[in-house]
Amino acid sequence: MMIKPDWLNRQNIRISLDARPLLAAGQHPLDCVISETGSFGSGEIYEIITPFFPAPMIEKFSARGFNSFTEQDSEGAFRTFFCKV
């Protein structure tokens, strides 16, 4: 179990996207997330909910200057938080 980082303050979540319906329809949310985070300022958080651990997305956003943290909820969904550094 990973320890929640200090930067993860849920009051700083600017956008939350449940990507499960998109993924079920065969759509990939990456372009949408990149577009929506383009204007994020330091400390703002994007939350995405997926049915799996989104490793490629985490790598992509790390390269774009975001910290990330993922937790699995009681229903098995993965909640990944991206915070603009």
PDB file of N, CA and C in Angstrom:
ATOM      1  N   MET A   1       0.850  -1.199   0.000  1.00  0.00           N
ATOM      2  CA  MET A   1       0.000   0.000   0.000  1.00  0.00           C
ATOM      3  C   MET A   1       0.880   1.243   0.000  1.00  0.00           C
ATOM      4  N   MET A   2       0.648   2.082  -0.963  1.00  0.00           N
ATOM      5  CA  MET A   2       1.423   3.321  -1.035  1.00  0.00           C
ATOM      6  C   MET A   2       0.827   4.361  -0.100  1.00  0.00           C
ATOM      7  N   ILE A   3       1.699   5.188   0.427  1.00  0.00           N
ATOM      8  CA  ILE A   3       1.264   6.269   1.306  1.00  0.00           C
ATOM      9  C   ILE A   3       0.821   7.453   0.449  1.00  0.00           C
ATOM     10  N   LYS A   4      -0.323   8.010   0.798  1.00  0.00           N
ATOM     11  CA  LYS A   4      -0.858   9.160   0.066  1.00  0.00           C
ATOM     12  C   LYS A   4       0.136  10.319   0.146  1.00  0.00           C
ATOM     13  N   PRO A   5       0.490  10.909  -0.993  1.00  0.00           N
ATOM     14  CA  PRO A   5       1.448  12.024  -0.983  1.00  0.00           C
ATOM     15  C   PRO A   5       0.841  13.294  -0.396  1.00  0.00           C
ATOM     16  N   ASP A   6       1.699  14.152   0.086  1.00  0.00           N
ATOM     17  CA  ASP A   6       1.254  15.413   0.690  1.00  0.00           C
ATOM     18  C   ASP A   6       0.489  16.298  -0.284  1.00  0.00           C
ATOM     19  N   TRP A   7       0.824  16.224  -1.564  1.00  0.00           N
ATOM     20  CA  TRP A   7       0.174  17.099  -2.543  1.00  0.00           C
ATOM     21  C   TRP A   7      -1.265  16.696  -2.850  1.00  0.00           C
ATOM     22  N   LEU A   8      -1.665  15.486  -2.444  1.00  0.00           N
ATOM     23  CA  LEU A   8      -3.008  15.004  -2.795  1.00  0.00           C
ATOM     24  C   LEU A   8      -4.051  15.545  -1.819  1.00  0.00           C
ATOM     25  N   ASN A   9      -4.536  16.733  -2.157  1.00  0.00           N
ATOM     26  CA  ASN A   9      -5.614  17.375  -1.417  1.00  0.00           C
ATOM     27  C   ASN A   9      -6.822  17.358  -2.351  1.00  0.00           C
ATOM     28  N   ARG A  10      -7.834  16.598  -1.989  1.00  0.00           N
ATOM     29  CA  ARG A  10      -8.994  16.430  -2.885  1.00  0.00           C
ATOM     30  C   ARG A  10      -9.696  17.749  -3.204  1.00  0.00           C
ATOM     31  N   GLN A  11      -9.480  18.771  -2.402  1.00  0.00           N
ATOM     32  CA  GLN A  11     -10.069  20.084  -2.709  1.00  0.00           C
ATOM     33  C   GLN A  11      -9.405  20.712  -3.931  1.00  0.00           C
ATOM     34  N   ASN A  12      -8.218  20.222  -4.305  1.00  0.00           N
ATOM     35  CA  ASN A  12      -7.502  20.759  -5.465  1.00  0.00           C
ATOM     36  C   ASN A  12      -7.811  20.007  -6.759  1.00  0.00           C
ATOM     37  N   ILE A  13      -8.755  19.044  -6.700  1.00  0.00           N
ATOM     38  CA  ILE A  13      -9.134  18.328  -7.917  1.00  0.00           C
ATOM     39  C   ILE A  13      -9.944  19.276  -8.794  1.00  0.00           C
ATOM     40  N   ARG A  14      -9.387  19.596  -9.952  1.00  0.00           N
ATOM     41  CA  ARG A  14     -10.063  20.511 -10.878  1.00  0.00           C
ATOM     42  C   ARG A  14     -11.004  19.758 -11.800  1.00  0.00           C
ATOM     43  N   ILE A  15     -10.595  18.554 -12.229  1.00  0.00           N
ATOM     44  CA  ILE A  15     -11.422  17.740 -13.123  1.00  0.00           C
ATOM     45  C   ILE A  15     -11.338  16.294 -12.670  1.00  0.00           C
ATOM     46  N   SER A  16     -12.477  15.619 -12.692  1.00  0.00           N
ATOM     47  CA  SER A  16     -12.534  14.184 -12.406  1.00  0.00           C
ATOM     48  C   SER A  16     -13.245  13.518 -13.572  1.00  0.00           C
ATOM     49  N   LEU A  17     -12.598  12.479 -14.130  1.00  0.00           N
ATOM     50  CA  LEU A  17     -13.164  11.776 -15.281  1.00  0.00           C
ATOM     51  C   LEU A  17     -13.276  10.291 -14.964  1.00  0.00           C
ATOM     52  N   ASP A  18     -14.487   9.773 -15.053  1.00  0.00           N
ATOM     53  CA  ASP A  18     -14.677   8.328 -14.959  1.00  0.00           C
ATOM     54  C   ASP A  18     -14.537   7.792 -16.381  1.00  0.00           C
ATOM     55  N   ALA A  19     -13.372   7.216 -16.679  1.00  0.00           N
ATOM     56  CA  ALA A  19     -13.070   6.773 -18.040  1.00  0.00           C
ATOM     57  C   ALA A  19     -13.631   5.396 -18.357  1.00  0.00           C
ATOM     58  N   ARG A  20     -14.239   4.727 -17.395  1.00  0.00           N
ATOM     59  CA  ARG A  20     -14.740   3.371 -17.641  1.00  0.00           C
ATOM     60  C   ARG A  20     -15.754   3.303 -18.775  1.00  0.00           C
ATOM     61  N   PRO A  21     -16.733   4.221 -18.869  1.00  0.00           N
ATOM     62  CA  PRO A  21     -17.667   4.161 -20.011  1.00  0.00           C
ATOM     63  C   PRO A  21     -16.968   4.385 -21.357  1.00  0.00           C
ATOM     64  N   LEU A  22     -16.001   5.294 -21.396  1.00  0.00           N
ATOM     65  CA  LEU A  22     -15.258   5.540 -22.641  1.00  0.00           C
ATOM     66  C   LEU A  22     -14.502   4.288 -23.059  1.00  0.00           C
ATOM     67  N   LEU A  23     -13.806   3.681 -22.101  1.00  0.00           N
ATOM     68  CA  LEU A  23     -13.029   2.481 -22.398  1.00  0.00           C
ATOM     69  C   LEU A  23     -13.931   1.331 -22.849  1.00  0.00           C
ATOM     70  N   ALA A  24     -15.090   1.200 -22.203  1.00  0.00           N
ATOM     71  CA  ALA A  24     -16.035   0.146 -22.573  1.00  0.00           C
ATOM     72  C   ALA A  24     -16.548   0.338 -23.996  1.00  0.00           C
ATOM     73  N   ALA A  25     -16.588   1.604 -24.456  1.00  0.00           N
ATOM     74  CA  ALA A  25     -17.038   1.915 -25.816  1.00  0.00           C
ATOM     75  C   ALA A  25     -15.887   1.861 -26.827  1.00  0.00           C
ATOM     76  N   GLY A  26     -14.701   1.447 -26.370  1.00  0.00           N
ATOM     77  CA  GLY A  26     -13.562   1.325 -27.267  1.00  0.00           C
ATOM     78  C   GLY A  26     -12.794   2.613 -27.496  1.00  0.00           C
ATOM     79  N   GLN A  27     -13.070   3.633 -26.687  1.00  0.00           N
ATOM     80  CA  GLN A  27     -12.378   4.911 -26.825  1.00  0.00           C
ATOM     81  C   GLN A  27     -11.262   5.001 -25.791  1.00  0.00           C
ATOM     82  N   HIS A  28     -10.161   5.658 -26.149  1.00  0.00           N
ATOM     83  CA  HIS A  28      -9.062   5.846 -25.219  1.00  0.00           C
ATOM     84  C   HIS A  28      -9.092   7.289 -24.728  1.00  0.00           C
ATOM     85  N   PRO A  29      -9.035   7.519 -23.427  1.00  0.00           N
ATOM     86  CA  PRO A  29      -9.178   8.872 -22.886  1.00  0.00           C
ATOM     87  C   PRO A  29      -7.914   9.730 -22.924  1.00  0.00           C
ATOM     88  N   LEU A  30      -6.783   9.211 -23.385  1.00  0.00           N
ATOM     89  CA  LEU A  30      -5.520   9.944 -23.283  1.00  0.00           C
ATOM     90  C   LEU A  30      -5.574  11.332 -23.914  1.00  0.00           C
ATOM     91  N   ASP A  31      -6.051  11.438 -25.153  1.00  0.00           N
ATOM     92  CA  ASP A  31      -6.092  12.746 -25.821  1.00  0.00           C
ATOM     93  C   ASP A  31      -6.977  13.736 -25.064  1.00  0.00           C
ATOM     94  N   CYS A  32      -8.078  13.243 -24.535  1.00  0.00           N
ATOM     95  CA  CYS A  32      -8.989  14.081 -23.750  1.00  0.00           C
ATOM     96  C   CYS A  32      -8.285  14.603 -22.498  1.00  0.00           C
ATOM     97  N   VAL A  33      -7.589  13.733 -21.801  1.00  0.00           N
ATOM     98  CA  VAL A  33      -6.904  14.116 -20.565  1.00  0.00           C
ATOM     99  C   VAL A  33      -5.791  15.112 -20.867  1.00  0.00           C
ATOM    100  N   ILE A  34      -5.029  14.876 -21.930  1.00  0.00           N
ATOM    101  CA  ILE A  34      -3.966  15.810 -22.310  1.00  0.00           C
ATOM    102  C   ILE A  34      -4.557  17.188 -22.598  1.00  0.00           C
ATOM    103  N   SER A  35      -5.656  17.220 -23.332  1.00  0.00           N
ATOM    104  CA  SER A  35      -6.311  18.480 -23.659  1.00  0.00           C
ATOM    105  C   SER A  35      -6.809  19.190 -22.399  1.00  0.00           C
ATOM    106  N   GLU A  36      -7.462  18.443 -21.530  1.00  0.00           N
ATOM    107  CA  GLU A  36      -8.054  19.042 -20.328  1.00  0.00           C
ATOM    108  C   GLU A  36      -7.010  19.510 -19.319  1.00  0.00           C
ATOM    109  N   THR A  37      -5.824  18.927 -19.324  1.00  0.00           N
ATOM    110  CA  THR A  37      -4.795  19.340 -18.364  1.00  0.00           C
ATOM    111  C   THR A  37      -3.868  20.409 -18.922  1.00  0.00           C
ATOM    112  N   GLY A  38      -4.074  20.799 -20.172  1.00  0.00           N
ATOM    113  CA  GLY A  38      -3.188  21.763 -20.818  1.00  0.00           C
ATOM    114  C   GLY A  38      -3.097  23.102 -20.120  1.00  0.00           C
ATOM    115  N   SER A  39      -4.152  23.519 -19.448  1.00  0.00           N
ATOM    116  CA  SER A  39      -4.155  24.831 -18.792  1.00  0.00           C
ATOM    117  C   SER A  39      -4.004  24.724 -17.273  1.00  0.00           C
ATOM    118  N   PHE A  40      -3.632  23.562 -16.787  1.00  0.00           N
ATOM    119  CA  PHE A  40      -3.506  23.370 -15.339  1.00  0.00           C
ATOM    120  C   PHE A  40      -2.347  24.190 -14.782  1.00  0.00           C
ATOM    121  N   GLY A  41      -2.572  24.768 -13.614  1.00  0.00           N
ATOM    122  CA  GLY A  41      -1.519  25.470 -12.896  1.00  0.00           C
ATOM    123  C   GLY A  41      -0.926  24.568 -11.825  1.00  0.00           C
ATOM    124  N   SER A  42       0.148  25.016 -11.237  1.00  0.00           N
ATOM    125  CA  SER A  42       0.835  24.256 -10.204  1.00  0.00           C
ATOM    126  C   SER A  42      -0.117  23.902  -9.055  1.00  0.00           C
ATOM    127  N   GLY A  43      -0.134  22.635  -8.671  1.00  0.00           N
ATOM    128  CA  GLY A  43      -0.959  22.173  -7.556  1.00  0.00           C
ATOM    129  C   GLY A  43      -2.348  21.706  -7.942  1.00  0.00           C
ATOM    130  N   GLU A  44      -2.764  21.966  -9.189  1.00  0.00           N
ATOM    131  CA  GLU A  44      -4.088  21.511  -9.615  1.00  0.00           C
ATOM    132  C   GLU A  44      -4.035  20.028  -9.957  1.00  0.00           C
ATOM    133  N   ILE A  45      -5.124  19.336  -9.647  1.00  0.00           N
ATOM    134  CA  ILE A  45      -5.150  17.870  -9.753  1.00  0.00           C
ATOM    135  C   ILE A  45      -6.231  17.423 -10.731  1.00  0.00           C
ATOM    136  N   TYR A  46      -5.863  16.409 -11.518  1.00  0.00           N
ATOM    137  CA  TYR A  46      -6.790  15.734 -12.421  1.00  0.00           C
ATOM    138  C   TYR A  46      -6.955  14.313 -11.895  1.00  0.00           C
ATOM    139  N   GLU A  47      -8.192  13.880 -11.742  1.00  0.00           N
ATOM    140  CA  GLU A  47      -8.480  12.512 -11.298  1.00  0.00           C
ATOM    141  C   GLU A  47      -9.092  11.740 -12.457  1.00  0.00           C
ATOM    142  N   ILE A  48      -8.571  10.543 -12.697  1.00  0.00           N
ATOM    143  CA  ILE A  48      -9.158   9.667 -13.710  1.00  0.00           C
ATOM    144  C   ILE A  48      -9.427   8.315 -13.065  1.00  0.00           C
ATOM    145  N   ILE A  49     -10.599   7.762 -13.364  1.00  0.00           N
ATOM    146  CA  ILE A  49     -11.015   6.475 -12.803  1.00  0.00           C
ATOM    147  C   ILE A  49     -11.020   5.456 -13.937  1.00  0.00           C
ATOM    148  N   THR A  50     -10.280   4.367 -13.750  1.00  0.00           N
ATOM    149  CA  THR A  50     -10.142   3.333 -14.771  1.00  0.00           C
ATOM    150  C   THR A  50     -10.312   1.951 -14.141  1.00  0.00           C
ATOM    151  N   PRO A  51     -10.594   0.935 -14.970  1.00  0.00           N
ATOM    152  CA  PRO A  51     -10.728  -0.426 -14.431  1.00  0.00           C
ATOM    153  C   PRO A  51      -9.380  -1.145 -14.307  1.00  0.00           C
ATOM    154  N   PHE A  52      -8.290  -0.440 -14.625  1.00  0.00           N
ATOM    155  CA  PHE A  52      -6.957  -1.040 -14.587  1.00  0.00           C
ATOM    156  C   PHE A  52      -5.949   0.037 -14.191  1.00  0.00           C
ATOM    157  N   PHE A  53      -4.739  -0.388 -13.820  1.00  0.00           N
ATOM    158  CA  PHE A  53      -3.666   0.540 -13.486  1.00  0.00           C
ATOM    159  C   PHE A  53      -3.159   1.170 -14.783  1.00  0.00           C
ATOM    160  N   PRO A  54      -3.261   2.494 -14.939  1.00  0.00           N
ATOM    161  CA  PRO A  54      -2.949   3.144 -16.215  1.00  0.00           C
ATOM    162  C   PRO A  54      -1.460   3.493 -16.383  1.00  0.00           C
ATOM    163  N   ALA A  55      -0.612   2.494 -16.410  1.00  0.00           N
ATOM    164  CA  ALA A  55       0.837   2.715 -16.470  1.00  0.00           C
ATOM    165  C   ALA A  55       1.288   3.605 -17.631  1.00  0.00           C
ATOM    166  N   PRO A  56       0.828   3.376 -18.878  1.00  0.00           N
ATOM    167  CA  PRO A  56       1.285   4.246 -19.973  1.00  0.00           C
ATOM    168  C   PRO A  56       0.903   5.716 -19.765  1.00  0.00           C
ATOM    169  N   MET A  57      -0.278   5.964 -19.227  1.00  0.00           N
ATOM    170  CA  MET A  57      -0.715   7.333 -18.975  1.00  0.00           C
ATOM    171  C   MET A  57       0.144   7.974 -17.889  1.00  0.00           C
ATOM    172  N   ILE A  58       0.482   7.212 -16.868  1.00  0.00           N
ATOM    173  CA  ILE A  58       1.326   7.725 -15.789  1.00  0.00           C
ATOM    174  C   ILE A  58       2.691   8.130 -16.344  1.00  0.00           C
ATOM    175  N   GLU A  59       3.270   7.299 -17.187  1.00  0.00           N
ATOM    176  CA  GLU A  59       4.559   7.619 -17.812  1.00  0.00           C
ATOM    177  C   GLU A  59       4.462   8.893 -18.649  1.00  0.00           C
ATOM    178  N   LYS A  60       3.403   8.998 -19.440  1.00  0.00           N
ATOM    179  CA  LYS A  60       3.198  10.162 -20.306  1.00  0.00           C
ATOM    180  C   LYS A  60       3.108  11.445 -19.481  1.00  0.00           C
ATOM    181  N   PHE A  61       2.347  11.403 -18.393  1.00  0.00           N
ATOM    182  CA  PHE A  61       2.156  12.608 -17.591  1.00  0.00           C
ATOM    183  C   PHE A  61       3.364  12.933 -16.722  1.00  0.00           C
ATOM    184  N   SER A  62       4.114  11.950 -16.347  1.00  0.00           N
ATOM    185  CA  SER A  62       5.374  12.198 -15.640  1.00  0.00           C
ATOM    186  C   SER A  62       6.304  13.021 -16.532  1.00  0.00           C
ATOM    187  N   ALA A  63       6.366  12.661 -17.807  1.00  0.00           N
ATOM    188  CA  ALA A  63       7.203  13.382 -18.765  1.00  0.00           C
ATOM    189  C   ALA A  63       6.685  14.795 -19.021  1.00  0.00           C
ATOM    190  N   ARG A  64       5.405  15.034 -18.732  1.00  0.00           N
ATOM    191  CA  ARG A  64       4.799  16.355 -18.940  1.00  0.00           C
ATOM    192  C   ARG A  64       4.828  17.221 -17.674  1.00  0.00           C
ATOM    193  N   GLY A  65       5.517  16.763 -16.628  1.00  0.00           N
ATOM    194  CA  GLY A  65       5.661  17.570 -15.417  1.00  0.00           C
ATOM    195  C   GLY A  65       4.570  17.382 -14.381  1.00  0.00           C
ATOM    196  N   PHE A  66       3.982  16.190 -14.333  1.00  0.00           N
ATOM    197  CA  PHE A  66       2.947  15.897 -13.340  1.00  0.00           C
ATOM    198  C   PHE A  66       3.436  14.818 -12.380  1.00  0.00           C
ATOM    199  N   ASN A  67       3.101  14.984 -11.112  1.00  0.00           N
ATOM    200  CA  ASN A  67       3.247  13.892 -10.150  1.00  0.00           C
ATOM    201  C   ASN A  67       2.006  13.031 -10.279  1.00  0.00           C
ATOM    202  N   SER A  68       2.104  11.773  -9.869  1.00  0.00           N
ATOM    203  CA  SER A  68       0.920  10.915  -9.921  1.00  0.00           C
ATOM    204  C   SER A  68       0.860  10.028  -8.691  1.00  0.00           C
ATOM    205  N   PHE A  69      -0.353   9.614  -8.410  1.00  0.00           N
ATOM    206  CA  PHE A  69      -0.612   8.678  -7.314  1.00  0.00           C
ATOM    207  C   PHE A  69      -1.843   7.887  -7.704  1.00  0.00           C
ATOM    208  N   THR A  70      -1.803   6.566  -7.510  1.00  0.00           N
ATOM    209  CA  THR A  70      -2.939   5.698  -7.835  1.00  0.00           C
ATOM    210  C   THR A  70      -3.329   4.892  -6.623  1.00  0.00           C
ATOM    211  N   GLU A  71      -4.637   4.799  -6.407  1.00  0.00           N
ATOM    212  CA  GLU A  71      -5.167   3.941  -5.349  1.00  0.00           C
ATOM    213  C   GLU A  71      -6.308   3.126  -5.927  1.00  0.00           C
ATOM    214  N   GLN A  72      -6.497   1.934  -5.392  1.00  0.00           N
ATOM    215  CA  GLN A  72      -7.596   1.087  -5.836  1.00  0.00           C
ATOM    216  C   GLN A  72      -8.708   1.191  -4.802  1.00  0.00           C
ATOM    217  N   ASP A  73      -9.928   1.461  -5.261  1.00  0.00           N
ATOM    218  CA  ASP A  73     -11.035   1.605  -4.320  1.00  0.00           C
ATOM    219  C   ASP A  73     -11.650   0.248  -3.989  1.00  0.00           C
ATOM    220  N   SER A  74     -12.623   0.260  -3.115  1.00  0.00           N
ATOM    221  CA  SER A  74     -13.228  -0.989  -2.633  1.00  0.00           C
ATOM    222  C   SER A  74     -13.972  -1.753  -3.721  1.00  0.00           C
ATOM    223  N   GLU A  75     -14.311  -1.078  -4.824  1.00  0.00           N
ATOM    224  CA  GLU A  75     -15.014  -1.724  -5.939  1.00  0.00           C
ATOM    225  C   GLU A  75     -14.048  -2.241  -7.008  1.00  0.00           C
ATOM    226  N   GLY A  76     -12.751  -2.048  -6.796  1.00  0.00           N
ATOM    227  CA  GLY A  76     -11.754  -2.527  -7.744  1.00  0.00           C
ATOM    228  C   GLY A  76     -11.325  -1.527  -8.792  1.00  0.00           C
ATOM    229  N   ALA A  77     -11.922  -0.349  -8.801  1.00  0.00           N
ATOM    230  CA  ALA A  77     -11.539   0.685  -9.763  1.00  0.00           C
ATOM    231  C   ALA A  77     -10.245   1.353  -9.299  1.00  0.00           C
ATOM    232  N   PHE A  78      -9.473   1.830 -10.270  1.00  0.00           N
ATOM    233  CA  PHE A  78      -8.238   2.543  -9.971  1.00  0.00           C
ATOM    234  C   PHE A  78      -8.490   4.036 -10.128  1.00  0.00           C
ATOM    235  N   ARG A  79      -8.150   4.781  -9.085  1.00  0.00           N
ATOM    236  CA  ARG A  79      -8.264   6.242  -9.105  1.00  0.00           C
ATOM    237  C   ARG A  79      -6.852   6.798  -9.177  1.00  0.00           C
ATOM    238  N   THR A  80      -6.542   7.437 -10.286  1.00  0.00           N
ATOM    239  CA  THR A  80      -5.215   7.991 -10.474  1.00  0.00           C
ATOM    240  C   THR A  80      -5.328   9.506 -10.452  1.00  0.00           C
ATOM    241  N   PHE A  81      -4.449  10.107  -9.706  1.00  0.00           N
ATOM    242  CA  PHE A  81      -4.433  11.557  -9.529  1.00  0.00           C
ATOM    243  C   PHE A  81      -3.151  12.105 -10.157  1.00  0.00           C
ATOM    244  N   PHE A  82      -3.295  13.115 -11.012  1.00  0.00           N
ATOM    245  CA  PHE A  82      -2.157  13.784 -11.630  1.00  0.00           C
ATOM    246  C   PHE A  82      -2.129  15.217 -11.113  1.00  0.00           C
ATOM    247  N   CYS A  83      -0.996  15.590 -10.534  1.00  0.00           N
ATOM    248  CA  CYS A  83      -0.853  16.937  -9.973  1.00  0.00           C
ATOM    249  C   CYS A  83       0.224  17.675 -10.744  1.00  0.00           C
ATOM    250  N   LYS A  84      -0.141  18.840 -11.252  1.00  0.00           N
ATOM    251  CA  LYS A  84       0.812  19.675 -11.988  1.00  0.00           C
ATOM    252  C   LYS A  84       1.857  20.202 -11.009  1.00  0.00           C
ATOM    253  N   VAL A  85       3.119  19.984 -11.350  1.00  0.00           N
ATOM    254  CA  VAL A  85       4.211  20.419 -10.474  1.00  0.00           C
ATOM    255  C   VAL A  85       4.495  21.887 -10.717  1.00  0.00           C
TER     256      VAL A  85
END
